Amino acid sequence: MKSQAATAGSNGAGASVKAAENGNRGRRPLRAGVVGVGRMGRHHARVYSQLSETQLVGVVDTNPERAEALAEQYNCKALHSVQQLLDMGVDVVSVAVPTSYHLPMAEPLLKAGVNCLIEKPLAGDAAEAEKIKHAAEATGAILMVGHIERFNPIMRALKKEQEKGMPIVPRFMEVHRVSPMTFRSVDTSVVMDMMIHDLDVVLMLMGGHEPDEVYASGVPVITEHEDICNARLVFRKPEGVCVANVTASRLALKTERVTRITGENAYVKIDYAAKSGTIIRRLANEQQMIDVRNALRQGADLSNMNWHELVNIEELQVDEGEPIVMEIKAFLDAVMSGTKPEVDARAGLANVRTAERIIAAARAERGGKGV
């Protein structure tokens, strides 16, 4: 049987949109597949099997036992090639294989007009990311990159807060993402493995603009690639300069995922692991600050004053939505509406390009030396 998406040719995305609309009318859900059902891919398969908008029809994996076990669990087919998914007429596919295989797995799907959600990063280098982007653009297929921190409950809460209040204009960002060594993704730098999450958030907060200047220091300790890296990113925009100091390590003794944003109009602290966040808004505290400055000018002794009593601290209201579910729903919404996804190919490419610049800067800083 020939793939419905494949027969759509250059109208592949339109065919999937029509199928989605039919699904909304109670006719049939989108036919979904997953390529790579390891640590992340198995969650994609689970969500597709549970959502009313989708029917999981097949999973592809190089490990036949793993594919068979998941296929039996979710009542779908265990396959050994992307072509078999195409032959089943899939509308949407998650690509969750190791990064080095993103291009060979995603390209035939996108060229057939199949909408793809590709796990982060989009590719291992900018050249391959460009090829994936162009493959999607050639057929109009929806392509979304799985930068899951965008769908973390705390990031969703921050987005809602910005939408209802004054947008935060960052001037300085301090980001820490550290954890013990898991011995996964040891074939790549910690920049592509872990820091890429935060690069996506930083670039999003900067309106999608890539940094004007990149400085970095990184050290390979266990692997042949950077296991610890610190990057200083400078953004020069018409409204002012913003500096982001981003640190990633896979050799820490504990896990920490914290972002602090200092802006013109607010200070924000986000703790991803604890799913908590606070905002201190400048306007909400302006009169108190004026009073303190005036008192200091007059020589008042404020050493007994409690700083916390001077600032209005707001706790972000966090929901309990599972990030992978929210991510896939956002992808499906883009497919059904034909609109730009939350993290499109352009954003995915910008993240990879920035990561490459950081790795190059770190290696130049240590004279191009490895271990």
Protein backbone atom coordinates (compact mmCIF):
# COMPACT_ATOMS: atom_id res chain seq x y z
CA MET A 1 0.00 0.00 0.00
CA LYS A 2 1.38 3.40 -0.93
CA SER A 3 1.67 6.07 1.76
CA GLN A 4 -1.09 8.68 1.72
CA ALA A 5 1.52 11.31 2.59
CA ALA A 6 3.79 10.08 -0.18
CA THR A 7 1.05 10.34 -2.81
CA ALA A 8 0.34 13.89 -1.69
CA GLY A 9 3.66 15.05 -3.17
CA SER A 10 4.24 18.75 -2.61
CA ASN A 11 0.90 18.95 -0.80
CA GLY A 12 1.98 16.47 1.88
CA ALA A 13 1.29 18.81 4.80
CA GLY A 14 -2.08 19.71 3.33
CA ALA A 15 -3.03 16.05 3.13
CA SER A 16 -2.16 15.57 6.78
CA VAL A 17 -4.08 18.69 7.75
CA LYS A 18 -7.12 17.36 5.93
CA ALA A 19 -6.72 14.02 7.67
CA ALA A 20 -6.51 15.80 11.00
CA GLU A 21 -9.67 17.76 10.27
CA ASN A 22 -11.42 14.51 9.43
CA GLY A 23 -10.15 13.13 12.74
CA ASN A 24 -11.69 16.09 14.53
CA ARG A 25 -15.02 15.27 12.92
CA GLY A 26 -14.85 11.78 14.37
CA ARG A 27 -13.79 9.99 11.16
CA ARG A 28 -10.20 8.88 11.72
CA PRO A 29 -7.27 9.98 13.85
CA LEU A 30 -3.84 10.80 12.49
CA ARG A 31 -1.78 7.69 11.76
CA ALA A 32 1.37 7.99 13.89
CA GLY A 33 4.71 6.23 13.99
CA VAL A 34 7.91 6.41 16.02
CA VAL A 35 11.44 5.82 14.72
CA GLY A 36 13.67 4.80 17.61
CA VAL A 37 11.92 3.56 20.76
CA GLY A 38 14.74 3.82 23.28
CA ARG A 39 14.81 6.14 26.30
CA MET A 40 12.79 8.99 24.72
CA GLY A 41 11.08 7.26 21.81
CA ARG A 42 9.15 4.86 24.06
CA HIS A 43 7.43 7.87 25.64
CA HIS A 44 6.44 9.21 22.21
CA ALA A 45 4.92 5.80 21.43
CA ARG A 46 3.03 5.79 24.73
CA VAL A 47 1.55 9.25 24.17
CA TYR A 48 0.51 8.56 20.57
CA SER A 49 -1.23 5.39 21.75
CA GLN A 50 -3.16 7.31 24.41
CA LEU A 51 -4.27 10.45 22.56
CA SER A 52 -7.64 10.49 20.79
CA GLU A 53 -6.14 12.52 17.93
CA THR A 54 -3.71 9.77 16.94
CA GLN A 55 -3.51 6.06 16.21
CA LEU A 56 -0.08 4.53 16.75
CA VAL A 57 0.37 2.22 13.77
CA GLY A 58 4.05 1.26 13.91
CA VAL A 59 7.40 1.59 15.67
CA VAL A 60 10.83 1.24 14.06
CA ASP A 61 13.93 0.21 16.00
CA THR A 62 17.22 -1.54 15.30
CA ASN A 63 16.56 -3.72 18.33
CA PRO A 64 13.81 -6.12 17.17
CA GLU A 65 13.05 -7.39 20.69
CA ARG A 66 12.50 -3.84 21.94
CA ALA A 67 10.28 -2.98 18.96
CA GLU A 68 8.25 -6.18 19.37
CA ALA A 69 7.73 -5.58 23.09
CA LEU A 70 6.48 -2.03 22.53
CA ALA A 71 4.35 -3.06 19.56
CA GLU A 72 2.64 -5.70 21.69
CA GLN A 73 2.16 -3.24 24.54
CA TYR A 74 0.56 -0.58 22.34
CA ASN A 75 -1.15 -2.81 19.77
CA CYS A 76 0.79 -1.65 16.72
CA LYS A 77 3.31 -3.08 14.22
CA ALA A 78 7.00 -3.67 14.94
CA LEU A 79 8.91 -2.49 11.85
CA HIS A 80 12.53 -2.41 10.75
CA SER A 81 12.57 0.50 8.27
CA VAL A 82 11.21 3.98 7.63
CA GLN A 83 9.92 2.76 4.27
CA GLN A 84 7.60 0.36 6.05
CA LEU A 85 6.13 3.31 7.98
CA LEU A 86 5.62 5.15 4.69
CA ASP A 87 3.93 2.10 3.23
CA MET A 88 1.47 2.17 6.15
CA GLY A 89 0.39 5.70 5.23
CA VAL A 90 1.58 7.56 8.31
CA ASP A 91 0.65 11.22 8.80
CA VAL A 92 2.95 12.06 11.71
CA VAL A 93 6.20 10.52 12.94
CA SER A 94 8.49 11.13 15.91
CA VAL A 95 12.17 10.62 15.16
CA ALA A 96 13.96 9.67 18.39
CA VAL A 97 17.05 7.87 17.15
CA PRO A 98 20.59 9.01 18.15
CA THR A 99 21.36 12.45 16.73
CA SER A 100 23.81 11.17 14.10
CA TYR A 101 20.92 9.27 12.45
CA HIS A 102 18.41 12.15 12.36
CA LEU A 103 19.15 13.10 8.74
CA PRO A 104 18.94 9.61 7.15
CA MET A 105 15.78 8.77 9.13
CA ALA A 106 13.94 12.10 8.79
CA GLU A 107 14.80 13.03 5.21
CA PRO A 108 12.77 10.30 3.42
CA LEU A 109 9.78 11.03 5.69
CA LEU A 110 9.89 14.78 5.05
CA LYS A 111 10.43 14.29 1.30
CA ALA A 112 7.26 12.17 1.31
CA GLY A 113 5.39 15.03 3.01
CA VAL A 114 5.11 13.32 6.40
CA ASN A 115 5.03 15.70 9.37
CA CYS A 116 7.92 15.05 11.78
CA LEU A 117 8.71 15.74 15.42
CA ILE A 118 12.49 15.31 15.72
CA GLU A 119 14.08 14.97 19.14
CA LYS A 120 16.64 17.59 20.11
CA PRO A 121 19.06 18.57 18.77
CA LEU A 122 17.79 18.86 15.21
CA ALA A 123 21.10 17.40 13.97
CA GLY A 124 24.69 16.89 15.06
CA ASP A 125 25.92 19.85 13.01
CA ALA A 126 24.51 22.85 11.18
CA ALA A 127 25.09 21.38 7.72
CA GLU A 128 22.86 18.38 8.43
CA ALA A 129 20.32 20.57 10.22
CA GLU A 130 20.09 22.71 7.06
CA LYS A 131 19.41 19.62 4.95
CA ILE A 132 16.59 18.51 7.26
CA LYS A 133 15.13 22.02 7.22
CA HIS A 134 15.23 22.18 3.42
CA ALA A 135 13.61 18.73 3.09
CA ALA A 136 10.64 19.95 5.13
CA GLU A 137 10.38 23.24 3.24
CA ALA A 138 10.40 21.45 -0.12
CA THR A 139 7.14 19.59 0.61
CA GLY A 140 5.56 21.88 3.21
CA ALA A 141 5.65 19.16 5.84
CA ILE A 142 5.42 20.37 9.43
CA LEU A 143 8.74 19.97 11.22
CA MET A 144 9.05 20.50 14.96
CA VAL A 145 12.15 20.00 17.11
CA GLY A 146 11.69 18.30 20.49
CA HIS A 147 13.20 20.89 22.83
CA ILE A 148 11.13 19.66 25.73
CA GLU A 149 12.08 22.36 28.24
CA ARG A 150 9.74 24.70 26.36
CA PHE A 151 6.95 22.46 27.65
CA ASN A 152 8.21 22.10 31.19
CA PRO A 153 5.39 23.26 33.51
CA ILE A 154 7.56 26.06 34.88
CA MET A 155 8.28 27.44 31.39
CA ARG A 156 4.59 27.28 30.52
CA ALA A 157 3.86 29.21 33.71
CA LEU A 158 6.43 31.87 32.79
CA LYS A 159 4.94 32.20 29.32
CA LYS A 160 1.45 32.71 30.76
CA GLU A 161 2.81 35.30 33.19
CA GLN A 162 4.44 37.25 30.37
CA GLU A 163 1.28 37.11 28.26
CA LYS A 164 -0.88 38.61 31.00
CA GLY A 165 1.67 41.12 32.30
CA MET A 166 4.64 43.10 31.13
CA PRO A 167 7.05 41.05 28.95
CA ILE A 168 10.43 40.42 30.55
CA VAL A 169 13.33 42.17 28.79
CA PRO A 170 16.48 40.18 29.71
CA ARG A 171 19.76 41.95 30.37
CA PHE A 172 21.66 39.16 32.13
CA MET A 173 20.96 35.42 32.35
CA GLU A 174 22.73 32.89 34.56
CA VAL A 175 22.04 29.25 33.68
CA HIS A 176 23.25 26.07 35.41
CA ARG A 177 22.50 22.55 34.18
CA VAL A 178 24.63 19.96 35.93
CA SER A 179 24.17 16.28 36.76
CA PRO A 180 26.17 13.13 37.53
CA MET A 181 27.58 11.12 34.62
CA THR A 182 24.97 8.77 33.15
CA PHE A 183 27.26 7.40 30.39
CA ARG A 184 24.58 8.23 27.80
CA SER A 185 25.37 10.44 24.78
CA VAL A 186 29.10 10.12 25.47
CA ASP A 187 29.79 10.38 21.73
CA THR A 188 29.14 14.12 21.77
CA SER A 189 29.98 17.25 23.76
CA VAL A 190 28.00 18.19 26.86
CA VAL A 191 27.06 21.27 24.82
CA MET A 192 25.05 19.20 22.34
CA ASP A 193 23.92 16.74 25.00
CA MET A 194 22.76 19.02 27.85
CA MET A 195 23.46 22.71 27.23
CA ILE A 196 21.37 22.62 24.04
CA HIS A 197 18.22 22.63 26.25
CA ASP A 198 19.17 25.98 27.72
CA LEU A 199 20.42 27.45 24.45
CA ASP A 200 16.91 26.93 23.08
CA VAL A 201 15.35 28.79 26.03
CA VAL A 202 17.94 31.60 25.92
CA LEU A 203 17.49 32.14 22.18
CA MET A 204 13.71 32.03 22.60
CA LEU A 205 13.91 34.75 25.28
CA MET A 206 16.08 36.77 22.88
CA GLY A 207 13.42 36.59 20.18
CA GLY A 208 15.21 33.92 18.16
CA HIS A 209 18.33 36.04 17.67
CA GLU A 210 21.65 34.22 17.74
CA PRO A 211 24.46 35.69 19.87
CA ASP A 212 26.75 38.31 18.36
CA GLU A 213 29.69 37.11 20.43
CA VAL A 214 30.52 33.70 21.87
CA TYR A 215 33.19 32.91 24.47
CA ALA A 216 33.62 29.49 26.03
CA SER A 217 35.78 27.26 28.18
CA GLY A 218 35.32 23.50 28.14
CA VAL A 219 37.20 20.45 29.39
CA PRO A 220 37.02 16.78 28.34
CA VAL A 221 37.55 14.67 31.47
CA ILE A 222 36.02 11.21 30.99
CA THR A 223 35.05 11.28 27.31
CA GLU A 224 36.85 12.66 24.26
CA HIS A 225 34.45 15.60 24.20
CA GLU A 226 33.68 18.48 26.57
CA ASP A 227 32.20 17.04 29.77
CA ILE A 228 32.12 20.47 31.43
CA CYS A 229 31.58 23.74 29.59
CA ASN A 230 30.85 27.37 30.37
CA ALA A 231 29.73 29.75 27.65
CA ARG A 232 29.32 33.52 27.69
CA LEU A 233 26.92 34.69 24.99
CA VAL A 234 26.60 38.39 24.14
CA PHE A 235 23.50 39.66 22.35
CA ARG A 236 23.64 43.19 20.95
CA LYS A 237 20.15 44.39 20.06
CA PRO A 238 18.79 47.90 19.36
CA GLU A 239 17.09 47.96 22.76
CA GLY A 240 20.31 47.07 24.58
CA VAL A 241 22.89 44.38 25.36
CA CYS A 242 22.12 41.08 27.07
CA VAL A 243 24.71 38.64 28.38
CA ALA A 244 23.92 34.97 29.05
CA ASN A 245 26.33 32.92 31.16
CA VAL A 246 25.52 29.23 30.58
CA THR A 247 27.17 26.31 32.39
CA ALA A 248 26.69 22.58 31.73
CA SER A 249 28.38 19.62 33.36
CA ARG A 250 27.77 15.89 33.33
CA LEU A 251 30.34 15.28 36.08
CA ALA A 252 28.52 16.90 39.02
CA LEU A 253 27.72 15.15 42.29
CA LYS A 254 24.09 16.30 42.19
CA THR A 255 21.52 17.43 39.65
CA GLU A 256 20.73 21.13 39.31
CA ARG A 257 18.74 22.86 36.57
CA VAL A 258 18.32 26.53 37.44
CA THR A 259 17.95 29.67 35.32
CA ARG A 260 18.09 33.21 36.66
CA ILE A 261 16.99 36.10 34.46
CA THR A 262 17.72 39.70 35.38
CA GLY A 263 15.80 42.14 33.21
CA GLU A 264 15.04 45.82 32.97
CA ASN A 265 11.64 45.28 34.53
CA ALA A 266 11.89 42.03 36.51
CA TYR A 267 14.02 39.30 38.04
CA VAL A 268 13.02 35.67 37.47
CA LYS A 269 14.34 32.46 38.99
CA ILE A 270 13.33 29.14 37.42
CA ASP A 271 14.07 25.77 38.99
CA TYR A 272 13.17 23.12 36.40
CA ALA A 273 13.70 20.14 38.67
CA ALA A 274 11.61 21.55 41.52
CA LYS A 275 9.00 22.90 39.08
CA SER A 276 9.06 26.22 40.89
CA GLY A 277 9.66 29.81 39.92
CA THR A 278 9.53 33.31 41.34
CA ILE A 279 9.24 36.77 39.82
CA ILE A 280 10.21 40.08 41.38
CA ARG A 281 8.80 42.89 39.28
CA ARG A 282 10.43 46.31 39.24
CA LEU A 283 7.21 48.30 39.06
CA ALA A 284 5.68 46.39 41.97
CA ASN A 285 8.65 47.41 44.14
CA GLU A 286 9.44 50.85 42.73
CA GLN A 287 8.13 52.98 45.63
CA GLN A 288 9.96 50.86 48.20
CA MET A 289 13.21 51.29 46.28
CA ILE A 290 12.70 55.06 46.06
CA ASP A 291 12.16 55.19 49.83
CA VAL A 292 15.30 53.13 50.49
CA ARG A 293 17.45 55.29 48.20
CA ASN A 294 16.20 58.47 49.85
CA ALA A 295 16.90 57.05 53.32
CA LEU A 296 20.44 56.04 52.29
CA ARG A 297 21.10 59.52 50.87
CA GLN A 298 20.10 60.98 54.23
CA GLY A 299 22.56 58.70 56.04
CA ALA A 300 19.99 56.38 57.63
CA ASP A 301 21.21 53.12 59.18
CA LEU A 302 19.25 50.35 57.41
CA SER A 303 21.37 47.42 58.63
CA ASN A 304 18.45 46.00 60.62
CA MET A 305 16.05 46.14 57.69
CA ASN A 306 14.81 42.80 56.27
CA TRP A 307 15.40 42.86 52.52
CA HIS A 308 12.60 40.37 51.89
CA GLU A 309 10.07 42.81 53.34
CA LEU A 310 10.99 45.37 50.69
CA VAL A 311 10.27 43.29 47.62
CA ASN A 312 7.07 41.86 46.20
CA ILE A 313 7.81 38.23 45.31
CA GLU A 314 5.32 36.39 43.08
CA GLU A 315 5.29 32.61 42.83
CA LEU A 316 4.65 31.23 39.36
CA GLN A 317 1.46 29.17 39.17
CA VAL A 318 2.53 25.78 37.82
CA ASP A 319 0.23 23.14 36.31
CA GLU A 320 0.81 19.39 36.37
CA GLY A 321 0.84 18.70 32.62
CA GLU A 322 3.44 16.14 31.53
CA PRO A 323 6.00 17.86 29.25
CA ILE A 324 6.11 15.10 26.59
CA VAL A 325 2.30 15.11 26.34
CA MET A 326 2.20 18.91 25.98
CA GLU A 327 4.99 18.79 23.42
CA ILE A 328 3.26 16.22 21.23
CA LYS A 329 -0.08 18.03 21.54
CA ALA A 330 1.60 21.24 20.36
CA PHE A 331 3.07 19.35 17.41
CA LEU A 332 -0.32 17.88 16.50
CA ASP A 333 -1.97 21.30 16.83
CA ALA A 334 0.52 22.67 14.30
CA VAL A 335 -0.17 19.75 11.95
CA MET A 336 -3.95 20.12 12.23
CA SER A 337 -3.92 23.91 11.81
CA GLY A 338 -1.06 24.11 9.31
CA THR A 339 0.62 26.76 11.46
CA LYS A 340 4.24 27.19 12.54
CA PRO A 341 5.10 24.81 15.40
CA GLU A 342 6.37 25.95 18.79
CA VAL A 343 9.98 25.03 17.94
CA ASP A 344 10.34 25.12 14.17
CA ALA A 345 13.28 24.14 11.97
CA ARG A 346 14.65 27.69 12.02
CA ALA A 347 14.84 27.65 15.82
CA GLY A 348 16.32 24.15 15.82
CA LEU A 349 18.99 25.22 13.33
CA ALA A 350 19.83 28.35 15.36
CA ASN A 351 20.32 26.19 18.45
CA VAL A 352 22.66 23.79 16.64
CA ARG A 353 24.60 26.66 15.07
CA THR A 354 25.05 28.33 18.46
CA ALA A 355 26.14 25.05 20.05
CA GLU A 356 28.73 24.56 17.29
CA ARG A 357 30.10 28.06 17.92
CA ILE A 358 30.41 27.32 21.65
CA ILE A 359 32.25 24.03 21.02
CA ALA A 360 34.59 25.75 18.54
CA ALA A 361 35.29 28.58 21.01
CA ALA A 362 35.99 26.12 23.84
CA ARG A 363 38.41 24.11 21.71
CA ALA A 364 40.14 27.23 20.43
CA GLU A 365 40.52 28.42 24.03
CA ARG A 366 42.38 25.24 24.99
CA GLY A 367 44.37 25.17 21.75
CA GLY A 368 42.26 22.58 19.99
CA LYS A 369 43.35 19.85 22.39
CA GLY A 370 41.27 16.81 23.28
CA VAL A 371 41.70 14.67 26.37
